[in-house]
N, C-alpha and C. Protein backbone atom coordinates (compact mmCIF):
# COMPACT_ATOMS: atom_id res chain seq x y z
N UNK A 1 0.85 -1.18 0.00
CA UNK A 1 0.00 0.00 0.00
C UNK A 1 0.89 1.24 0.00
N UNK A 2 0.53 2.22 -0.82
CA UNK A 2 1.30 3.45 -0.93
C UNK A 2 0.80 4.46 0.10
N UNK A 3 1.75 5.04 0.86
CA UNK A 3 1.43 6.06 1.86
C UNK A 3 2.18 7.34 1.52
N UNK A 4 1.45 8.47 1.55
CA UNK A 4 2.06 9.77 1.35
C UNK A 4 2.61 10.23 2.70
N UNK A 5 3.91 10.49 2.74
CA UNK A 5 4.60 10.86 3.99
C UNK A 5 4.87 12.36 4.11
N UNK A 6 5.11 13.02 2.96
CA UNK A 6 5.51 14.42 3.01
C UNK A 6 5.06 15.12 1.73
N UNK A 7 4.53 16.33 1.91
CA UNK A 7 4.14 17.20 0.81
C UNK A 7 4.75 18.58 1.04
N UNK A 8 5.31 19.15 -0.02
CA UNK A 8 5.76 20.54 0.02
C UNK A 8 4.92 21.27 -1.02
N UNK A 9 4.12 22.23 -0.54
CA UNK A 9 3.13 22.89 -1.38
C UNK A 9 3.39 24.39 -1.47
N UNK A 10 3.13 24.94 -2.64
CA UNK A 10 3.18 26.38 -2.87
C UNK A 10 1.72 26.86 -2.84
N UNK A 11 1.40 27.71 -1.86
CA UNK A 11 0.02 28.11 -1.62
C UNK A 11 -0.08 29.63 -1.58
N UNK A 12 -1.15 30.15 -2.19
CA UNK A 12 -1.49 31.56 -2.09
C UNK A 12 -2.74 31.66 -1.23
N UNK A 13 -2.73 32.54 -0.23
CA UNK A 13 -3.90 32.69 0.63
C UNK A 13 -4.09 34.16 1.00
N UNK A 14 -5.32 34.53 1.38
CA UNK A 14 -5.55 35.89 1.87
C UNK A 14 -4.87 36.08 3.23
N UNK A 15 -4.76 37.32 3.67
CA UNK A 15 -4.11 37.59 4.96
C UNK A 15 -4.84 36.94 6.13
N UNK A 16 -6.15 36.79 6.01
CA UNK A 16 -6.92 36.16 7.07
C UNK A 16 -7.48 34.85 6.54
N UNK A 17 -7.26 33.73 7.19
CA UNK A 17 -6.69 33.56 8.52
C UNK A 17 -5.17 33.74 8.50
N UNK A 18 -4.61 33.97 9.67
CA UNK A 18 -3.16 34.10 9.75
C UNK A 18 -2.50 32.74 9.57
N UNK A 19 -1.19 32.72 9.48
CA UNK A 19 -0.45 31.49 9.20
C UNK A 19 -0.68 30.42 10.27
N UNK A 20 -0.79 30.82 11.52
CA UNK A 20 -1.01 29.85 12.60
C UNK A 20 -2.37 29.17 12.46
N UNK A 21 -3.42 29.95 12.25
CA UNK A 21 -4.76 29.38 12.07
C UNK A 21 -4.81 28.48 10.84
N UNK A 22 -4.15 28.90 9.77
CA UNK A 22 -4.11 28.14 8.53
C UNK A 22 -3.41 26.80 8.74
N UNK A 23 -2.27 26.82 9.44
CA UNK A 23 -1.53 25.59 9.73
C UNK A 23 -2.35 24.65 10.61
N UNK A 24 -3.04 25.19 11.59
CA UNK A 24 -3.89 24.36 12.46
C UNK A 24 -4.99 23.67 11.66
N UNK A 25 -5.60 24.39 10.74
CA UNK A 25 -6.67 23.81 9.92
C UNK A 25 -6.13 22.65 9.08
N UNK A 26 -4.95 22.79 8.53
CA UNK A 26 -4.36 21.71 7.74
C UNK A 26 -3.98 20.55 8.65
N UNK A 27 -3.46 20.83 9.82
CA UNK A 27 -3.06 19.77 10.75
C UNK A 27 -4.25 18.92 11.18
N UNK A 28 -5.44 19.48 11.18
CA UNK A 28 -6.63 18.73 11.57
C UNK A 28 -7.02 17.66 10.55
N UNK A 29 -6.34 17.61 9.40
CA UNK A 29 -6.71 16.65 8.35
C UNK A 29 -6.21 15.24 8.64
N UNK A 30 -5.34 15.07 9.63
CA UNK A 30 -4.83 13.74 9.96
C UNK A 30 -4.42 13.64 11.41
N UNK A 31 -4.49 12.44 11.96
CA UNK A 31 -4.22 12.27 13.40
C UNK A 31 -2.76 12.54 13.78
N UNK A 32 -1.82 12.31 12.87
CA UNK A 32 -0.41 12.58 13.18
C UNK A 32 0.19 13.58 12.19
N UNK A 33 -0.66 14.44 11.67
CA UNK A 33 -0.26 15.43 10.66
C UNK A 33 0.54 16.55 11.32
N UNK A 34 1.71 16.84 10.75
CA UNK A 34 2.54 17.96 11.19
C UNK A 34 2.65 18.96 10.04
N UNK A 35 2.56 20.26 10.37
CA UNK A 35 2.52 21.29 9.34
C UNK A 35 3.53 22.38 9.68
N UNK A 36 4.31 22.74 8.67
CA UNK A 36 5.25 23.86 8.79
C UNK A 36 4.88 24.86 7.70
N UNK A 37 4.64 26.11 8.09
CA UNK A 37 4.28 27.15 7.13
C UNK A 37 5.37 28.22 7.14
N UNK A 38 5.85 28.56 5.96
CA UNK A 38 6.81 29.65 5.79
C UNK A 38 6.19 30.68 4.87
N UNK A 39 6.10 31.93 5.34
CA UNK A 39 5.58 33.01 4.51
C UNK A 39 6.73 33.49 3.62
N UNK A 40 6.55 33.33 2.31
CA UNK A 40 7.59 33.68 1.36
C UNK A 40 7.44 35.10 0.81
N UNK A 41 6.19 35.54 0.69
CA UNK A 41 5.94 36.84 0.09
C UNK A 41 4.61 37.37 0.60
N UNK A 42 4.54 38.68 0.79
CA UNK A 42 3.31 39.33 1.23
C UNK A 42 3.04 40.49 0.29
N UNK A 43 1.80 40.57 -0.19
CA UNK A 43 1.41 41.75 -0.94
C UNK A 43 0.19 42.37 -0.27
N UNK A 44 -0.47 43.26 -0.96
CA UNK A 44 -1.56 44.02 -0.34
C UNK A 44 -2.69 43.14 0.18
N UNK A 45 -3.03 42.07 -0.55
CA UNK A 45 -4.19 41.26 -0.18
C UNK A 45 -3.86 39.80 0.12
N UNK A 46 -2.70 39.32 -0.28
CA UNK A 46 -2.41 37.88 -0.17
C UNK A 46 -1.02 37.61 0.38
N UNK A 47 -0.81 36.35 0.72
CA UNK A 47 0.49 35.84 1.17
C UNK A 47 0.80 34.59 0.36
N UNK A 48 2.05 34.48 -0.06
CA UNK A 48 2.53 33.26 -0.70
C UNK A 48 3.24 32.44 0.36
N UNK A 49 2.84 31.18 0.49
CA UNK A 49 3.36 30.31 1.54
C UNK A 49 4.02 29.08 0.96
N UNK A 50 5.03 28.59 1.67
CA UNK A 50 5.50 27.23 1.46
C UNK A 50 4.93 26.44 2.63
N UNK A 51 4.17 25.40 2.31
CA UNK A 51 3.52 24.59 3.34
C UNK A 51 4.10 23.18 3.25
N UNK A 52 4.73 22.73 4.34
CA UNK A 52 5.29 21.39 4.41
C UNK A 52 4.40 20.58 5.35
N UNK A 53 3.84 19.50 4.82
CA UNK A 53 2.93 18.65 5.59
C UNK A 53 3.56 17.27 5.69
N UNK A 54 3.70 16.75 6.91
CA UNK A 54 4.27 15.42 7.10
C UNK A 54 3.35 14.58 7.98
N UNK A 55 3.43 13.27 7.78
CA UNK A 55 2.63 12.34 8.56
C UNK A 55 2.85 10.93 8.04
N UNK A 56 2.23 9.96 8.68
CA UNK A 56 2.45 8.57 8.29
C UNK A 56 1.64 8.18 7.06
N UNK A 57 0.50 8.84 6.82
CA UNK A 57 -0.35 8.52 5.68
C UNK A 57 -1.25 9.70 5.39
N UNK A 58 -0.71 10.71 4.71
CA UNK A 58 -1.46 11.94 4.45
C UNK A 58 -2.55 11.71 3.41
N UNK A 59 -3.66 12.39 3.61
CA UNK A 59 -4.76 12.36 2.65
C UNK A 59 -4.71 13.68 1.88
N UNK A 60 -4.12 13.64 0.68
CA UNK A 60 -3.93 14.86 -0.09
C UNK A 60 -5.26 15.57 -0.35
N UNK A 61 -6.30 14.84 -0.63
CA UNK A 61 -7.58 15.46 -0.92
C UNK A 61 -8.09 16.26 0.28
N UNK A 62 -7.90 15.74 1.47
CA UNK A 62 -8.32 16.48 2.68
C UNK A 62 -7.46 17.71 2.90
N UNK A 63 -6.16 17.58 2.68
CA UNK A 63 -5.25 18.73 2.80
C UNK A 63 -5.66 19.81 1.80
N UNK A 64 -5.89 19.40 0.56
CA UNK A 64 -6.27 20.34 -0.50
C UNK A 64 -7.60 21.02 -0.15
N UNK A 65 -8.55 20.25 0.36
CA UNK A 65 -9.85 20.82 0.75
C UNK A 65 -9.71 21.83 1.88
N UNK A 66 -8.84 21.54 2.86
CA UNK A 66 -8.63 22.47 3.98
C UNK A 66 -8.02 23.78 3.48
N UNK A 67 -7.11 23.69 2.55
CA UNK A 67 -6.50 24.90 1.97
C UNK A 67 -7.59 25.75 1.32
N UNK A 68 -8.45 25.12 0.53
CA UNK A 68 -9.52 25.84 -0.14
C UNK A 68 -10.56 26.39 0.82
N UNK A 69 -10.86 25.64 1.87
CA UNK A 69 -11.86 26.06 2.85
C UNK A 69 -11.45 27.36 3.53
N UNK A 70 -10.16 27.57 3.69
CA UNK A 70 -9.66 28.78 4.35
C UNK A 70 -9.20 29.83 3.35
N UNK A 71 -9.69 29.75 2.11
CA UNK A 71 -9.45 30.79 1.13
C UNK A 71 -8.15 30.66 0.37
N UNK A 72 -7.43 29.57 0.57
CA UNK A 72 -6.16 29.39 -0.11
C UNK A 72 -6.31 28.76 -1.48
N UNK A 73 -5.27 28.90 -2.27
CA UNK A 73 -5.22 28.32 -3.60
C UNK A 73 -3.90 27.58 -3.76
N UNK A 74 -3.98 26.30 -4.11
CA UNK A 74 -2.78 25.50 -4.31
C UNK A 74 -2.19 25.83 -5.67
N UNK A 75 -0.98 26.39 -5.68
CA UNK A 75 -0.32 26.73 -6.94
C UNK A 75 0.46 25.56 -7.49
N UNK A 76 1.16 24.82 -6.62
CA UNK A 76 1.92 23.67 -7.11
C UNK A 76 2.28 22.74 -5.97
N UNK A 77 2.53 21.50 -6.36
CA UNK A 77 3.10 20.51 -5.45
C UNK A 77 4.58 20.46 -5.79
N UNK A 78 5.42 20.97 -4.89
CA UNK A 78 6.84 21.11 -5.19
C UNK A 78 7.67 19.90 -4.81
N UNK A 79 7.25 19.15 -3.81
CA UNK A 79 7.94 17.92 -3.41
C UNK A 79 6.92 16.94 -2.86
N UNK A 80 7.21 15.66 -3.06
CA UNK A 80 6.36 14.60 -2.53
C UNK A 80 7.26 13.48 -2.05
N UNK A 81 6.92 12.89 -0.91
CA UNK A 81 7.59 11.69 -0.43
C UNK A 81 6.50 10.65 -0.16
N UNK A 82 6.65 9.49 -0.76
CA UNK A 82 5.71 8.40 -0.55
C UNK A 82 6.50 7.15 -0.20
N UNK A 83 5.81 6.18 0.43
CA UNK A 83 6.43 4.89 0.70
C UNK A 83 5.46 3.78 0.34
N UNK A 84 6.02 2.64 -0.01
CA UNK A 84 5.24 1.47 -0.35
C UNK A 84 5.37 0.50 0.81
N UNK A 85 4.29 0.37 1.57
CA UNK A 85 4.28 -0.52 2.72
C UNK A 85 3.65 -1.84 2.27
N UNK A 86 4.43 -2.92 2.37
CA UNK A 86 3.95 -4.23 1.95
C UNK A 86 2.89 -4.77 2.89
N UNK A 87 2.27 -5.86 2.49
CA UNK A 87 1.20 -6.46 3.29
C UNK A 87 1.69 -7.01 4.63
N UNK A 88 3.01 -7.18 4.75
CA UNK A 88 3.55 -7.67 6.02
C UNK A 88 3.85 -6.54 6.99
N UNK A 89 3.52 -5.27 6.58
CA UNK A 89 3.72 -4.13 7.46
C UNK A 89 5.12 -3.57 7.40
N UNK A 90 5.96 -4.06 6.51
CA UNK A 90 7.33 -3.58 6.40
C UNK A 90 7.40 -2.24 5.73
């Protein structure tokens, strides 16, 4: 079974919610989800973020939905880490 372990995303979002609230919303998408947000650029109405999401089995669709729910727009998936876990749990 393939598990998504890490995503590095380029996201554009409005100033509200702030980066902390935005990261919390993304972290709620998984039980062991960890989120790191770096603000790369700020303009009059928006912020460009690098969002790094890690966990044992990320649900990309839920992460993407959380970004959209809080007014964000996914510009690109810049990095992905996945693993293939065999039926024996290895």
